[in-house]
N, C-alpha and C. Protein backbone atom coordinates (compact mmCIF):
# COMPACT_ATOMS: atom_id res chain seq x y z
N MET A 1 207.78 64.35 76.46
CA MET A 1 208.13 65.74 76.25
C MET A 1 209.23 66.19 77.23
N ILE A 2 209.16 65.80 78.49
CA ILE A 2 210.16 66.25 79.47
C ILE A 2 211.55 65.74 79.09
N GLY A 3 211.63 64.55 78.52
CA GLY A 3 212.92 64.00 78.11
C GLY A 3 213.58 64.88 77.06
N THR A 4 212.82 65.33 76.09
CA THR A 4 213.34 66.21 75.03
C THR A 4 213.80 67.53 75.62
N ILE A 5 213.05 68.06 76.57
CA ILE A 5 213.43 69.32 77.21
C ILE A 5 214.74 69.15 77.97
N LEU A 6 214.85 68.07 78.75
CA LEU A 6 216.08 67.82 79.50
C LEU A 6 217.27 67.67 78.56
N LYS A 7 217.09 66.92 77.50
CA LYS A 7 218.16 66.71 76.54
C LYS A 7 218.59 68.04 75.91
N ASN A 8 217.62 68.86 75.53
CA ASN A 8 217.94 70.13 74.88
C ASN A 8 218.66 71.10 75.80
N ILE A 9 218.24 71.20 77.06
CA ILE A 9 218.95 72.12 77.95
C ILE A 9 220.35 71.61 78.27
N ARG A 10 220.50 70.30 78.34
CA ARG A 10 221.84 69.73 78.55
C ARG A 10 222.74 70.09 77.37
N LYS A 11 222.22 69.94 76.16
CA LYS A 11 223.01 70.23 74.96
C LYS A 11 223.30 71.73 74.81
N ILE A 12 222.36 72.57 75.21
CA ILE A 12 222.60 74.02 75.18
C ILE A 12 223.83 74.37 75.99
N ARG A 13 224.03 73.69 77.10
CA ARG A 13 225.17 73.94 77.99
C ARG A 13 226.42 73.16 77.57
N GLY A 14 226.28 72.33 76.54
CA GLY A 14 227.43 71.57 76.08
C GLY A 14 227.85 70.46 77.03
N LEU A 15 226.91 69.97 77.81
CA LEU A 15 227.19 68.91 78.78
C LEU A 15 226.88 67.55 78.18
N THR A 16 227.60 66.54 78.63
CA THR A 16 227.32 65.17 78.23
C THR A 16 226.39 64.54 79.26
N GLN A 17 225.85 63.40 78.90
CA GLN A 17 225.04 62.65 79.86
C GLN A 17 225.89 62.26 81.06
N SER A 18 227.16 61.97 80.82
CA SER A 18 228.08 61.64 81.92
C SER A 18 228.27 62.81 82.86
N ASN A 19 228.41 64.03 82.30
CA ASN A 19 228.56 65.22 83.14
C ASN A 19 227.38 65.36 84.09
N VAL A 20 226.19 65.26 83.53
CA VAL A 20 224.97 65.43 84.34
C VAL A 20 224.83 64.27 85.32
N GLY A 21 225.05 63.06 84.84
CA GLY A 21 224.95 61.89 85.71
C GLY A 21 225.90 61.95 86.89
N ASP A 22 227.13 62.39 86.63
CA ASP A 22 228.11 62.52 87.72
C ASP A 22 227.64 63.52 88.77
N GLU A 23 227.13 64.64 88.32
CA GLU A 23 226.64 65.67 89.26
C GLU A 23 225.45 65.19 90.08
N LEU A 24 224.61 64.40 89.46
CA LEU A 24 223.39 63.92 90.14
C LEU A 24 223.59 62.56 90.81
N HIS A 25 224.80 62.00 90.68
CA HIS A 25 225.10 60.67 91.21
C HIS A 25 224.15 59.62 90.63
N LEU A 26 223.96 59.72 89.30
CA LEU A 26 223.12 58.77 88.58
C LEU A 26 223.94 58.16 87.44
N ALA A 27 223.61 56.95 87.06
CA ALA A 27 224.30 56.27 85.96
C ALA A 27 223.95 56.94 84.63
N ASN A 28 224.89 56.84 83.68
CA ASN A 28 224.66 57.42 82.36
C ASN A 28 223.40 56.88 81.71
N ASN A 29 223.15 55.57 81.89
CA ASN A 29 221.96 54.99 81.27
C ASN A 29 220.68 55.53 81.90
N THR A 30 220.74 55.96 83.15
CA THR A 30 219.56 56.58 83.78
C THR A 30 219.26 57.91 83.10
N ILE A 31 220.30 58.70 82.86
CA ILE A 31 220.11 59.99 82.16
C ILE A 31 219.57 59.72 80.75
N SER A 32 220.14 58.73 80.07
CA SER A 32 219.66 58.36 78.74
C SER A 32 218.19 57.94 78.78
N ASN A 33 217.83 57.14 79.77
CA ASN A 33 216.43 56.71 79.90
C ASN A 33 215.49 57.88 80.11
N TYR A 34 215.91 58.89 80.87
CA TYR A 34 215.09 60.09 81.05
C TYR A 34 214.92 60.82 79.73
N GLU A 35 216.04 60.99 79.01
CA GLU A 35 216.01 61.78 77.78
C GLU A 35 215.23 61.08 76.67
N THR A 36 215.22 59.77 76.65
CA THR A 36 214.47 59.02 75.63
C THR A 36 213.06 58.70 76.10
N GLU A 37 212.75 59.09 77.33
CA GLU A 37 211.45 58.89 77.96
C GLU A 37 211.12 57.41 78.14
N TYR A 38 212.18 56.61 78.26
CA TYR A 38 212.00 55.21 78.64
C TYR A 38 211.55 55.14 80.10
N SER A 39 212.06 56.08 80.90
CA SER A 39 211.59 56.24 82.29
C SER A 39 211.46 57.73 82.56
N ASN A 40 210.68 58.05 83.57
CA ASN A 40 210.41 59.45 83.88
C ASN A 40 210.96 59.82 85.25
N PRO A 41 211.73 60.90 85.31
CA PRO A 41 212.24 61.36 86.60
C PRO A 41 211.12 62.02 87.40
N ASN A 42 211.28 62.00 88.73
CA ASN A 42 210.31 62.73 89.55
C ASN A 42 210.65 64.23 89.48
N PHE A 43 209.77 65.04 90.02
CA PHE A 43 209.94 66.49 89.91
C PHE A 43 211.24 66.96 90.56
N ASP A 44 211.60 66.39 91.69
CA ASP A 44 212.83 66.78 92.37
C ASP A 44 214.05 66.51 91.49
N THR A 45 214.07 65.37 90.83
CA THR A 45 215.17 65.03 89.94
C THR A 45 215.20 65.96 88.73
N ILE A 46 214.04 66.28 88.19
CA ILE A 46 213.98 67.24 87.08
C ILE A 46 214.57 68.57 87.50
N ASN A 47 214.20 69.04 88.67
CA ASN A 47 214.70 70.32 89.17
C ASN A 47 216.22 70.28 89.34
N LYS A 48 216.74 69.18 89.90
CA LYS A 48 218.19 69.04 90.08
C LYS A 48 218.90 68.99 88.73
N PHE A 49 218.35 68.26 87.78
CA PHE A 49 218.91 68.15 86.44
C PHE A 49 219.00 69.55 85.83
N ILE A 50 217.92 70.29 85.91
CA ILE A 50 217.87 71.63 85.34
C ILE A 50 218.87 72.55 86.03
N ASN A 51 219.00 72.43 87.34
CA ASN A 51 219.97 73.26 88.07
C ASN A 51 221.40 72.94 87.66
N VAL A 52 221.71 71.66 87.43
CA VAL A 52 223.04 71.28 86.96
C VAL A 52 223.35 71.98 85.64
N CYS A 53 222.34 72.17 84.82
CA CYS A 53 222.50 72.82 83.52
C CYS A 53 222.39 74.34 83.62
N ASP A 54 222.30 74.85 84.84
CA ASP A 54 222.22 76.28 85.11
C ASP A 54 220.96 76.93 84.52
N PHE A 55 219.85 76.20 84.63
CA PHE A 55 218.54 76.72 84.27
C PHE A 55 217.69 76.76 85.53
N GLU A 56 216.54 77.38 85.44
CA GLU A 56 215.62 77.47 86.57
C GLU A 56 214.20 77.27 86.07
N ILE A 57 213.42 76.52 86.82
CA ILE A 57 212.01 76.35 86.50
C ILE A 57 211.25 77.55 87.06
N GLN A 58 210.41 78.12 86.23
CA GLN A 58 209.57 79.22 86.66
C GLN A 58 208.13 78.93 86.24
N PHE A 59 207.21 79.51 86.99
CA PHE A 59 205.80 79.34 86.71
C PHE A 59 205.21 80.71 86.41
N LEU A 60 204.49 80.80 85.29
CA LEU A 60 203.89 82.05 84.87
C LEU A 60 202.41 82.04 85.19
N ASP A 61 201.97 83.02 85.95
CA ASP A 61 200.55 83.22 86.21
C ASP A 61 199.99 83.89 84.95
N LYS A 62 199.22 83.15 84.17
CA LYS A 62 198.72 83.67 82.90
C LYS A 62 197.84 84.91 83.08
N GLU A 63 197.16 84.96 84.21
CA GLU A 63 196.24 86.08 84.45
C GLU A 63 196.98 87.37 84.75
N THR A 64 197.95 87.29 85.67
CA THR A 64 198.65 88.51 86.10
C THR A 64 200.01 88.70 85.42
N LYS A 65 200.47 87.66 84.74
CA LYS A 65 201.79 87.65 84.09
C LYS A 65 202.94 87.65 85.09
N LYS A 66 202.63 87.41 86.36
CA LYS A 66 203.68 87.34 87.38
C LYS A 66 204.39 86.00 87.26
N VAL A 67 205.72 86.04 87.39
CA VAL A 67 206.53 84.83 87.33
C VAL A 67 206.93 84.43 88.75
N TYR A 68 206.72 83.17 89.07
CA TYR A 68 207.08 82.62 90.38
C TYR A 68 208.17 81.56 90.19
N THR A 69 209.11 81.54 91.11
CA THR A 69 210.11 80.48 91.12
C THR A 69 209.62 79.34 92.00
N ILE A 70 210.29 78.20 91.92
CA ILE A 70 209.94 77.08 92.79
C ILE A 70 210.11 77.48 94.25
N ASP A 71 211.20 78.20 94.55
CA ASP A 71 211.43 78.63 95.93
C ASP A 71 210.28 79.48 96.45
N GLU A 72 209.80 80.40 95.61
CA GLU A 72 208.70 81.24 96.05
C GLU A 72 207.44 80.43 96.31
N LEU A 73 207.14 79.50 95.42
CA LEU A 73 205.92 78.72 95.56
C LEU A 73 206.03 77.65 96.64
N SER A 74 207.24 77.33 97.04
CA SER A 74 207.44 76.33 98.09
C SER A 74 207.24 76.90 99.48
N LYS A 75 207.21 78.21 99.59
CA LYS A 75 207.06 78.87 100.89
C LYS A 75 205.59 79.16 101.15
N GLU A 76 205.29 79.32 102.42
CA GLU A 76 203.94 79.75 102.80
C GLU A 76 203.74 81.16 102.27
N MET A 77 202.61 81.38 101.62
CA MET A 77 202.33 82.70 101.06
C MET A 77 201.00 83.19 101.61
N ASP A 78 200.95 84.46 101.92
CA ASP A 78 199.70 85.08 102.35
C ASP A 78 198.99 85.66 101.12
N PHE A 79 197.76 85.24 100.92
CA PHE A 79 197.02 85.75 99.76
C PHE A 79 195.86 86.60 100.22
């Protein structure tokens, strides 16, 4: 599923696998392997891929409907 998501956001921005690979310093076949789910990127790579495509990962608290960014959740929070 993540491969399809990565491929779709790349295509929404009109980027090629080469464009994304160059930005991430990864080979074109590595990007292809992620998109076809032959191999799976780690979360950090997913986040970088998404940032290259000018998207942002957000987390929705279903209970409160509050949206958190990765940056917010990466910091110490007082609850």
